[in-house]
Amino acid sequence: MADLVTHMATGLLFKAGTRGPYTAALVAGTVLPDLGARVPAIGFSALAKSGVPIAPEIPYAFEVLHMPLGMVILSLLIACFFTEEQRVGVFFNLLGGCLLHLALDLTQDHLGVGYLLGFPFTTADFEFGWMSTEATVLWAPLFAVVAVVAWRKRLGPVRRDLQEDTPAPL
């Protein structure tokens, strides 16, 4: 799995290039598959190691959230928490972020099972295998700086008249 910083930087770069709305939703979508699938698995595994009786299958029960079907379900559920006018935009940007996440993950080699893109209709796995799963970690800080610079450039110059009228933060 590419690190979360790389996933978020990819989303920021994408939005810097497209200048579309709902940037926060798209960037959140780039980490949503890992947060939905990996975090519960890590938590349940830690509980099991500490002696809490947990069925060995439980940590893997959330893996569906790292597959396209789960990404759609997560995006729909989260979009429901927004106002009616925002739901469609939030849903598509969350899902777009999830798909960017998946595209980046597909470039990796997991030395075993790849991604079950057609689940539940097929259990055939796929990945390109172009780089190791940890290849982006060393580059993540630089990638994050590039993404922030691109994002700032997208915003354009700060207007002086707006800056002077804005009260100082508390």
N, C-alpha and C. Protein backbone atom coordinates (compact mmCIF):
# COMPACT_ATOMS: atom_id res chain seq x y z
N MET A 1 0.86 -1.17 0.00
CA MET A 1 0.00 0.00 0.00
C MET A 1 0.89 1.22 0.00
N ALA A 2 0.64 2.13 -0.90
CA ALA A 2 1.37 3.39 -0.90
C ALA A 2 1.03 4.14 0.38
N ASP A 3 1.98 4.93 0.85
CA ASP A 3 1.73 5.63 2.11
C ASP A 3 0.61 6.67 1.94
N LEU A 4 -0.02 7.01 3.05
CA LEU A 4 -1.16 7.93 3.03
C LEU A 4 -0.78 9.31 2.52
N VAL A 5 0.45 9.75 2.82
CA VAL A 5 0.90 11.07 2.34
C VAL A 5 0.93 11.09 0.81
N THR A 6 1.44 10.02 0.22
CA THR A 6 1.49 9.94 -1.25
C THR A 6 0.09 9.93 -1.83
N HIS A 7 -0.81 9.19 -1.22
CA HIS A 7 -2.20 9.16 -1.70
C HIS A 7 -2.82 10.56 -1.65
N MET A 8 -2.65 11.25 -0.52
CA MET A 8 -3.23 12.59 -0.37
C MET A 8 -2.59 13.59 -1.34
N ALA A 9 -1.28 13.49 -1.51
CA ALA A 9 -0.59 14.38 -2.45
C ALA A 9 -1.09 14.16 -3.88
N THR A 10 -1.37 12.92 -4.23
CA THR A 10 -1.92 12.62 -5.55
C THR A 10 -3.27 13.31 -5.74
N GLY A 11 -4.11 13.26 -4.72
CA GLY A 11 -5.41 13.93 -4.79
C GLY A 11 -5.27 15.43 -4.91
N LEU A 12 -4.36 16.03 -4.14
CA LEU A 12 -4.13 17.48 -4.23
C LEU A 12 -3.63 17.87 -5.61
N LEU A 13 -2.69 17.09 -6.15
CA LEU A 13 -2.19 17.39 -7.50
C LEU A 13 -3.30 17.29 -8.54
N PHE A 14 -4.14 16.27 -8.40
CA PHE A 14 -5.25 16.12 -9.33
C PHE A 14 -6.16 17.34 -9.29
N LYS A 15 -6.54 17.77 -8.08
CA LYS A 15 -7.43 18.92 -7.95
C LYS A 15 -6.74 20.22 -8.36
N ALA A 16 -5.44 20.31 -8.16
CA ALA A 16 -4.71 21.50 -8.61
C ALA A 16 -4.77 21.60 -10.13
N GLY A 17 -4.75 20.45 -10.79
CA GLY A 17 -4.81 20.45 -12.25
C GLY A 17 -6.21 20.66 -12.80
N THR A 18 -7.22 20.14 -12.14
CA THR A 18 -8.58 20.24 -12.67
C THR A 18 -9.32 21.47 -12.18
N ARG A 19 -8.89 22.02 -11.03
CA ARG A 19 -9.52 23.19 -10.43
C ARG A 19 -11.00 22.96 -10.09
N GLY A 20 -11.36 21.72 -9.86
CA GLY A 20 -12.75 21.40 -9.53
C GLY A 20 -13.07 21.64 -8.07
N PRO A 21 -14.36 21.67 -7.74
CA PRO A 21 -14.77 21.85 -6.34
C PRO A 21 -14.63 20.55 -5.54
N TYR A 22 -14.93 20.63 -4.27
CA TYR A 22 -14.92 19.49 -3.34
C TYR A 22 -13.53 18.86 -3.19
N THR A 23 -12.53 19.69 -3.11
CA THR A 23 -11.16 19.19 -2.96
C THR A 23 -11.01 18.33 -1.72
N ALA A 24 -11.57 18.78 -0.60
CA ALA A 24 -11.42 18.02 0.65
C ALA A 24 -12.02 16.63 0.51
N ALA A 25 -13.14 16.51 -0.18
CA ALA A 25 -13.77 15.20 -0.35
C ALA A 25 -12.89 14.29 -1.21
N LEU A 26 -12.31 14.83 -2.27
CA LEU A 26 -11.46 14.01 -3.12
C LEU A 26 -10.22 13.56 -2.36
N VAL A 27 -9.59 14.47 -1.63
CA VAL A 27 -8.39 14.11 -0.87
C VAL A 27 -8.75 13.10 0.21
N ALA A 28 -9.88 13.27 0.88
CA ALA A 28 -10.32 12.29 1.87
C ALA A 28 -10.55 10.93 1.21
N GLY A 29 -11.09 10.95 0.00
CA GLY A 29 -11.32 9.70 -0.73
C GLY A 29 -10.04 8.96 -1.05
N THR A 30 -8.92 9.68 -1.18
CA THR A 30 -7.65 9.01 -1.49
C THR A 30 -7.13 8.18 -0.33
N VAL A 31 -7.59 8.45 0.88
CA VAL A 31 -7.16 7.65 2.03
C VAL A 31 -8.28 6.78 2.59
N LEU A 32 -9.48 6.98 2.10
CA LEU A 32 -10.65 6.25 2.62
C LEU A 32 -10.52 4.73 2.53
N PRO A 33 -10.03 4.16 1.43
CA PRO A 33 -9.91 2.69 1.39
C PRO A 33 -9.00 2.13 2.48
N ASP A 34 -7.89 2.81 2.74
CA ASP A 34 -6.99 2.32 3.78
C ASP A 34 -7.58 2.54 5.17
N LEU A 35 -8.22 3.66 5.38
CA LEU A 35 -8.83 3.90 6.69
C LEU A 35 -9.98 2.93 6.95
N GLY A 36 -10.76 2.63 5.93
CA GLY A 36 -11.90 1.73 6.09
C GLY A 36 -11.51 0.27 6.22
N ALA A 37 -10.45 -0.14 5.53
CA ALA A 37 -10.08 -1.55 5.52
C ALA A 37 -8.90 -1.87 6.42
N ARG A 38 -7.89 -1.06 6.37
CA ARG A 38 -6.65 -1.39 7.09
C ARG A 38 -6.72 -1.06 8.59
N VAL A 39 -7.29 0.09 8.94
CA VAL A 39 -7.32 0.50 10.35
C VAL A 39 -8.09 -0.50 11.21
N PRO A 40 -9.30 -0.91 10.82
CA PRO A 40 -9.98 -1.93 11.64
C PRO A 40 -9.20 -3.24 11.71
N ALA A 41 -8.57 -3.64 10.60
CA ALA A 41 -7.79 -4.88 10.61
C ALA A 41 -6.62 -4.78 11.58
N ILE A 42 -5.94 -3.64 11.60
CA ILE A 42 -4.83 -3.44 12.52
C ILE A 42 -5.33 -3.46 13.96
N GLY A 43 -6.46 -2.80 14.20
CA GLY A 43 -7.03 -2.77 15.54
C GLY A 43 -7.43 -4.13 16.05
N PHE A 44 -8.12 -4.90 15.24
CA PHE A 44 -8.53 -6.24 15.66
C PHE A 44 -7.34 -7.16 15.84
N SER A 45 -6.34 -7.02 14.98
CA SER A 45 -5.12 -7.84 15.13
C SER A 45 -4.41 -7.51 16.43
N ALA A 46 -4.36 -6.23 16.78
CA ALA A 46 -3.72 -5.82 18.04
C ALA A 46 -4.50 -6.37 19.23
N LEU A 47 -5.82 -6.33 19.15
CA LEU A 47 -6.63 -6.90 20.23
C LEU A 47 -6.38 -8.40 20.38
N ALA A 48 -6.30 -9.10 19.26
CA ALA A 48 -6.05 -10.54 19.30
C ALA A 48 -4.68 -10.84 19.91
N LYS A 49 -3.67 -10.03 19.55
CA LYS A 49 -2.33 -10.25 20.10
C LYS A 49 -2.28 -9.96 21.60
N SER A 50 -3.16 -9.08 22.06
CA SER A 50 -3.16 -8.75 23.49
C SER A 50 -3.98 -9.75 24.32
N GLY A 51 -4.53 -10.76 23.67
CA GLY A 51 -5.23 -11.80 24.40
C GLY A 51 -6.74 -11.78 24.30
N VAL A 52 -7.31 -10.77 23.64
CA VAL A 52 -8.77 -10.72 23.48
C VAL A 52 -9.16 -11.79 22.45
N PRO A 53 -10.11 -12.65 22.81
CA PRO A 53 -10.49 -13.71 21.87
C PRO A 53 -11.25 -13.15 20.65
N ILE A 54 -10.58 -13.17 19.52
CA ILE A 54 -11.15 -12.66 18.27
C ILE A 54 -10.97 -13.73 17.21
N ALA A 55 -12.03 -14.01 16.48
CA ALA A 55 -11.93 -15.00 15.40
C ALA A 55 -10.87 -14.54 14.40
N PRO A 56 -10.04 -15.45 13.91
CA PRO A 56 -8.95 -15.06 13.01
C PRO A 56 -9.43 -14.41 11.71
N GLU A 57 -10.69 -14.63 11.34
CA GLU A 57 -11.21 -14.05 10.09
C GLU A 57 -11.60 -12.58 10.24
N ILE A 58 -11.86 -12.14 11.46
CA ILE A 58 -12.38 -10.78 11.69
C ILE A 58 -11.49 -9.69 11.11
N PRO A 59 -10.17 -9.72 11.29
CA PRO A 59 -9.35 -8.65 10.72
C PRO A 59 -9.47 -8.54 9.19
N TYR A 60 -9.86 -9.63 8.54
CA TYR A 60 -9.99 -9.61 7.08
C TYR A 60 -11.39 -9.25 6.61
N ALA A 61 -12.32 -9.10 7.53
CA ALA A 61 -13.71 -8.82 7.16
C ALA A 61 -13.88 -7.45 6.52
N PHE A 62 -12.96 -6.55 6.76
CA PHE A 62 -13.07 -5.19 6.24
C PHE A 62 -12.38 -5.01 4.89
N GLU A 63 -11.74 -6.05 4.37
CA GLU A 63 -11.02 -5.97 3.10
C GLU A 63 -11.91 -5.52 1.94
N VAL A 64 -13.19 -5.83 2.01
CA VAL A 64 -14.10 -5.43 0.94
C VAL A 64 -14.11 -3.91 0.77
N LEU A 65 -13.81 -3.17 1.83
CA LEU A 65 -13.80 -1.71 1.76
C LEU A 65 -12.61 -1.18 0.98
N HIS A 66 -11.67 -2.06 0.64
CA HIS A 66 -10.51 -1.67 -0.18
C HIS A 66 -10.68 -2.17 -1.62
N MET A 67 -11.88 -2.58 -1.95
CA MET A 67 -12.23 -3.04 -3.30
C MET A 67 -13.25 -2.07 -3.90
N PRO A 68 -13.39 -2.04 -5.22
CA PRO A 68 -14.31 -1.08 -5.83
C PRO A 68 -15.72 -1.08 -5.23
N LEU A 69 -16.29 -2.26 -4.97
CA LEU A 69 -17.63 -2.32 -4.38
C LEU A 69 -17.66 -1.62 -3.03
N GLY A 70 -16.69 -1.90 -2.19
CA GLY A 70 -16.62 -1.27 -0.88
C GLY A 70 -16.39 0.23 -0.96
N MET A 71 -15.63 0.65 -1.96
CA MET A 71 -15.38 2.09 -2.15
C MET A 71 -16.68 2.83 -2.49
N VAL A 72 -17.50 2.22 -3.31
CA VAL A 72 -18.79 2.81 -3.65
C VAL A 72 -19.67 2.90 -2.40
N ILE A 73 -19.71 1.82 -1.64
CA ILE A 73 -20.54 1.79 -0.42
C ILE A 73 -20.07 2.83 0.59
N LEU A 74 -18.75 2.89 0.84
CA LEU A 74 -18.22 3.89 1.78
C LEU A 74 -18.53 5.31 1.32
N SER A 75 -18.34 5.57 0.04
CA SER A 75 -18.60 6.92 -0.50
C SER A 75 -20.07 7.29 -0.35
N LEU A 76 -20.95 6.35 -0.63
CA LEU A 76 -22.39 6.60 -0.46
C LEU A 76 -22.75 6.88 0.99
N LEU A 77 -22.23 6.07 1.89
CA LEU A 77 -22.54 6.26 3.31
C LEU A 77 -22.05 7.62 3.82
N ILE A 78 -20.85 7.98 3.48
CA ILE A 78 -20.31 9.27 3.95
C ILE A 78 -21.06 10.43 3.32
N ALA A 79 -21.40 10.33 2.05
CA ALA A 79 -22.12 11.41 1.37
C ALA A 79 -23.48 11.67 2.02
N CYS A 80 -24.06 10.66 2.63
CA CYS A 80 -25.36 10.82 3.29
C CYS A 80 -25.30 11.80 4.47
N PHE A 81 -24.13 12.05 5.01
CA PHE A 81 -23.98 12.96 6.13
C PHE A 81 -23.91 14.44 5.71
N PHE A 82 -23.95 14.71 4.42
CA PHE A 82 -23.87 16.07 3.91
C PHE A 82 -25.27 16.56 3.52
N THR A 83 -25.38 17.84 3.29
CA THR A 83 -26.67 18.39 2.89
C THR A 83 -27.07 17.82 1.53
N GLU A 84 -28.33 17.87 1.25
CA GLU A 84 -28.84 17.29 0.00
C GLU A 84 -28.16 17.89 -1.23
N GLU A 85 -27.88 19.19 -1.18
CA GLU A 85 -27.25 19.86 -2.31
C GLU A 85 -25.80 19.42 -2.51
N GLN A 86 -25.16 18.96 -1.46
CA GLN A 86 -23.74 18.60 -1.54
C GLN A 86 -23.52 17.11 -1.80
N ARG A 87 -24.52 16.30 -1.60
CA ARG A 87 -24.33 14.84 -1.62
C ARG A 87 -23.74 14.31 -2.91
N VAL A 88 -24.25 14.75 -4.04
CA VAL A 88 -23.76 14.22 -5.32
C VAL A 88 -22.30 14.59 -5.52
N GLY A 89 -21.96 15.85 -5.27
CA GLY A 89 -20.58 16.30 -5.43
C GLY A 89 -19.64 15.59 -4.48
N VAL A 90 -20.06 15.45 -3.22
CA VAL A 90 -19.23 14.75 -2.24
C VAL A 90 -19.07 13.29 -2.62
N PHE A 91 -20.16 12.64 -3.01
CA PHE A 91 -20.09 11.23 -3.39
C PHE A 91 -19.10 11.01 -4.54
N PHE A 92 -19.24 11.78 -5.62
CA PHE A 92 -18.37 11.55 -6.77
C PHE A 92 -16.92 11.92 -6.49
N ASN A 93 -16.69 12.91 -5.65
CA ASN A 93 -15.31 13.25 -5.31
C ASN A 93 -14.70 12.24 -4.35
N LEU A 94 -15.47 11.74 -3.38
CA LEU A 94 -14.97 10.66 -2.53
C LEU A 94 -14.63 9.44 -3.37
N LEU A 95 -15.55 9.07 -4.26
CA LEU A 95 -15.33 7.91 -5.11
C LEU A 95 -14.15 8.14 -6.05
N GLY A 96 -14.03 9.35 -6.59
CA GLY A 96 -12.88 9.67 -7.44
C GLY A 96 -11.57 9.54 -6.69
N GLY A 97 -11.56 10.00 -5.44
CA GLY A 97 -10.37 9.84 -4.62
C GLY A 97 -10.05 8.38 -4.36
N CYS A 98 -11.09 7.59 -4.11
CA CYS A 98 -10.90 6.15 -3.92
C CYS A 98 -10.32 5.51 -5.18
N LEU A 99 -10.79 5.93 -6.33
CA LEU A 99 -10.29 5.37 -7.59
C LEU A 99 -8.84 5.80 -7.85
N LEU A 100 -8.48 7.03 -7.47
CA LEU A 100 -7.08 7.44 -7.55
C LEU A 100 -6.23 6.57 -6.63
N HIS A 101 -6.74 6.31 -5.45
CA HIS A 101 -6.06 5.44 -4.49
C HIS A 101 -5.83 4.06 -5.12
N LEU A 102 -6.87 3.51 -5.69
CA LEU A 102 -6.78 2.19 -6.31
C LEU A 102 -5.80 2.19 -7.48
N ALA A 103 -5.83 3.24 -8.30
CA ALA A 103 -4.92 3.32 -9.44
C ALA A 103 -3.46 3.31 -8.97
N LEU A 104 -3.18 4.04 -7.91
CA LEU A 104 -1.82 4.06 -7.37
C LEU A 104 -1.45 2.70 -6.78
N ASP A 105 -2.37 2.09 -6.05
CA ASP A 105 -2.10 0.77 -5.47
C ASP A 105 -1.88 -0.30 -6.53
N LEU A 106 -2.56 -0.19 -7.65
CA LEU A 106 -2.42 -1.20 -8.71
C LEU A 106 -1.02 -1.21 -9.32
N THR A 107 -0.27 -0.13 -9.16
CA THR A 107 1.09 -0.09 -9.71
C THR A 107 2.07 -0.91 -8.88
N GLN A 108 1.64 -1.37 -7.71
CA GLN A 108 2.54 -2.05 -6.79
C GLN A 108 2.55 -3.56 -6.98
N ASP A 109 3.63 -4.16 -6.47
CA ASP A 109 3.78 -5.61 -6.48
C ASP A 109 3.66 -6.10 -5.04
N HIS A 110 2.67 -6.93 -4.78
CA HIS A 110 2.42 -7.40 -3.42
C HIS A 110 2.96 -8.81 -3.16
N LEU A 111 3.69 -9.37 -4.09
CA LEU A 111 4.27 -10.70 -3.93
C LEU A 111 3.23 -11.72 -3.49
N GLY A 112 2.12 -11.66 -4.11
CA GLY A 112 1.04 -12.60 -3.77
C GLY A 112 -0.24 -12.15 -4.44
N VAL A 113 -1.29 -12.10 -3.66
CA VAL A 113 -2.60 -11.73 -4.19
C VAL A 113 -2.63 -10.24 -4.50
N GLY A 114 -3.13 -9.91 -5.67
CA GLY A 114 -3.31 -8.52 -6.05
C GLY A 114 -4.67 -8.02 -5.57
N TYR A 115 -5.29 -7.17 -6.35
CA TYR A 115 -6.57 -6.58 -5.96
C TYR A 115 -7.73 -7.30 -6.64
N LEU A 116 -8.76 -7.56 -5.88
CA LEU A 116 -9.95 -8.25 -6.37
C LEU A 116 -10.91 -7.20 -6.95
N LEU A 117 -10.64 -6.76 -8.16
CA LEU A 117 -11.39 -5.66 -8.77
C LEU A 117 -12.83 -6.03 -9.08
N GLY A 118 -13.10 -7.28 -9.35
CA GLY A 118 -14.46 -7.69 -9.72
C GLY A 118 -15.25 -8.33 -8.60
N PHE A 119 -14.76 -8.25 -7.37
CA PHE A 119 -15.48 -8.85 -6.25
C PHE A 119 -16.84 -8.19 -6.10
N PRO A 120 -17.92 -8.92 -5.91
CA PRO A 120 -18.10 -10.33 -5.57
C PRO A 120 -18.35 -11.23 -6.77
N PHE A 121 -18.21 -10.71 -7.97
CA PHE A 121 -18.52 -11.49 -9.16
C PHE A 121 -17.40 -12.44 -9.56
N THR A 122 -16.17 -12.07 -9.19
CA THR A 122 -15.02 -12.91 -9.47
C THR A 122 -13.98 -12.70 -8.38
N THR A 123 -13.17 -13.73 -8.17
CA THR A 123 -12.09 -13.59 -7.21
C THR A 123 -10.73 -13.52 -7.93
N ALA A 124 -10.77 -13.24 -9.22
CA ALA A 124 -9.53 -13.04 -9.96
C ALA A 124 -8.85 -11.77 -9.47
N ASP A 125 -7.54 -11.86 -9.26
CA ASP A 125 -6.82 -10.68 -8.76
C ASP A 125 -5.99 -10.05 -9.88
N PHE A 126 -5.61 -8.78 -9.65
CA PHE A 126 -4.86 -8.05 -10.65
C PHE A 126 -3.98 -7.01 -9.98
N GLU A 127 -2.82 -6.77 -10.53
CA GLU A 127 -1.95 -5.65 -10.20
C GLU A 127 -0.89 -5.56 -11.29
N PHE A 128 -0.36 -4.35 -11.50
CA PHE A 128 0.67 -4.15 -12.52
C PHE A 128 2.04 -4.63 -12.03
N GLY A 129 2.33 -4.42 -10.74
CA GLY A 129 3.59 -4.87 -10.18
C GLY A 129 4.80 -4.07 -10.62
N TRP A 130 4.62 -2.78 -10.88
CA TRP A 130 5.72 -1.95 -11.37
C TRP A 130 6.70 -1.52 -10.27
N MET A 131 6.25 -1.51 -9.01
CA MET A 131 7.14 -1.07 -7.92
C MET A 131 6.76 -1.80 -6.64
N SER A 132 7.67 -1.77 -5.67
CA SER A 132 7.39 -2.44 -4.40
C SER A 132 6.37 -1.62 -3.60
N THR A 133 5.79 -2.24 -2.60
CA THR A 133 4.75 -1.57 -1.82
C THR A 133 5.28 -0.40 -1.00
N GLU A 134 6.56 -0.36 -0.73
CA GLU A 134 7.13 0.72 0.08
C GLU A 134 7.95 1.71 -0.75
N ALA A 135 7.89 1.61 -2.07
CA ALA A 135 8.73 2.44 -2.93
C ALA A 135 8.44 3.93 -2.80
N THR A 136 7.23 4.31 -2.44
CA THR A 136 6.89 5.74 -2.39
C THR A 136 7.22 6.38 -1.05
N VAL A 137 7.55 5.59 -0.04
CA VAL A 137 7.72 6.14 1.30
C VAL A 137 8.85 7.17 1.35
N LEU A 138 9.97 6.89 0.75
CA LEU A 138 11.09 7.83 0.77
C LEU A 138 10.79 9.12 0.00
N TRP A 139 9.96 9.01 -1.01
CA TRP A 139 9.63 10.17 -1.85
C TRP A 139 8.44 10.96 -1.33
N ALA A 140 7.75 10.44 -0.35
CA ALA A 140 6.52 11.08 0.14
C ALA A 140 6.71 12.53 0.59
N PRO A 141 7.74 12.87 1.36
CA PRO A 141 7.89 14.27 1.78
C PRO A 141 8.06 15.22 0.59
N LEU A 142 8.87 14.83 -0.38
CA LEU A 142 9.06 15.68 -1.56
C LEU A 142 7.77 15.78 -2.35
N PHE A 143 7.08 14.67 -2.51
CA PHE A 143 5.82 14.65 -3.24
C PHE A 143 4.78 15.54 -2.56
N ALA A 144 4.77 15.52 -1.23
CA ALA A 144 3.84 16.37 -0.48
C ALA A 144 4.14 17.85 -0.70
N VAL A 145 5.41 18.22 -0.70
CA VAL A 145 5.79 19.62 -0.93
C VAL A 145 5.39 20.05 -2.34
N VAL A 146 5.64 19.20 -3.32
CA VAL A 146 5.25 19.51 -4.71
C VAL A 146 3.74 19.69 -4.80
N ALA A 147 2.98 18.83 -4.15
CA ALA A 147 1.52 18.92 -4.18
C ALA A 147 1.03 20.21 -3.53
N VAL A 148 1.61 20.58 -2.40
CA VAL A 148 1.20 21.82 -1.72
C VAL A 148 1.55 23.04 -2.56
N VAL A 149 2.73 23.04 -3.17
CA VAL A 149 3.12 24.16 -4.04
C VAL A 149 2.17 24.26 -5.23
N ALA A 150 1.85 23.14 -5.84
CA ALA A 150 0.91 23.15 -6.97
C ALA A 150 -0.46 23.65 -6.53
N TRP A 151 -0.89 23.22 -5.36
CA TRP A 151 -2.18 23.65 -4.83
C TRP A 151 -2.19 25.15 -4.58
N ARG A 152 -1.12 25.66 -3.96
CA ARG A 152 -1.02 27.10 -3.68
C ARG A 152 -1.01 27.90 -4.99
N LYS A 153 -0.33 27.38 -5.97
CA LYS A 153 -0.28 28.04 -7.28
C LYS A 153 -1.68 28.06 -7.91
N ARG A 154 -2.43 27.01 -7.71
CA ARG A 154 -3.80 26.93 -8.22
C ARG A 154 -4.67 28.02 -7.62
N LEU A 155 -4.45 28.32 -6.33
CA LEU A 155 -5.24 29.35 -5.67
C LEU A 155 -4.96 30.74 -6.21
N GLY A 156 -3.77 30.94 -6.79
CA GLY A 156 -3.42 32.24 -7.35
C GLY A 156 -2.93 33.19 -6.26
N PRO A 157 -2.59 34.40 -6.66
CA PRO A 157 -2.07 35.37 -5.68
C PRO A 157 -3.16 35.80 -4.71
N VAL A 158 -2.75 36.07 -3.48
CA VAL A 158 -3.67 36.54 -2.46
C VAL A 158 -3.91 38.02 -2.70
N ARG A 159 -5.17 38.39 -2.75
CA ARG A 159 -5.49 39.80 -2.98
C ARG A 159 -5.27 40.59 -1.70
N ARG A 160 -4.57 41.73 -1.80
CA ARG A 160 -4.26 42.56 -0.64
C ARG A 160 -5.51 43.09 0.04
N ASP A 161 -6.50 43.53 -0.74
CA ASP A 161 -7.69 44.11 -0.13
C ASP A 161 -8.46 43.09 0.70
N LEU A 162 -8.45 41.82 0.28
CA LEU A 162 -9.11 40.78 1.07
C LEU A 162 -8.29 40.44 2.31
N GLN A 163 -6.98 40.47 2.16
CA GLN A 163 -6.12 40.13 3.28
C GLN A 163 -6.23 41.16 4.41
N GLU A 164 -6.38 42.43 4.08
CA GLU A 164 -6.44 43.49 5.09
C GLU A 164 -7.78 43.49 5.81
N ASP A 165 -8.84 43.09 5.15
CA ASP A 165 -10.17 43.11 5.77
C ASP A 165 -10.43 41.86 6.62
N THR A 166 -9.58 40.87 6.48
CA THR A 166 -9.80 39.62 7.20
C THR A 166 -9.27 39.77 8.62
N PRO A 167 -10.11 39.48 9.61
CA PRO A 167 -9.62 39.58 11.00
C PRO A 167 -8.57 38.51 11.28
N ALA A 168 -7.68 38.82 12.16
CA ALA A 168 -6.63 37.90 12.54
C ALA A 168 -7.25 36.70 13.27
N PRO A 169 -6.72 35.50 13.01
CA PRO A 169 -7.25 34.31 13.71
C PRO A 169 -6.96 34.41 15.20
N LEU A 170 -7.84 33.81 15.98
CA LEU A 170 -7.67 33.83 17.44
C LEU A 170 -6.65 32.84 17.88
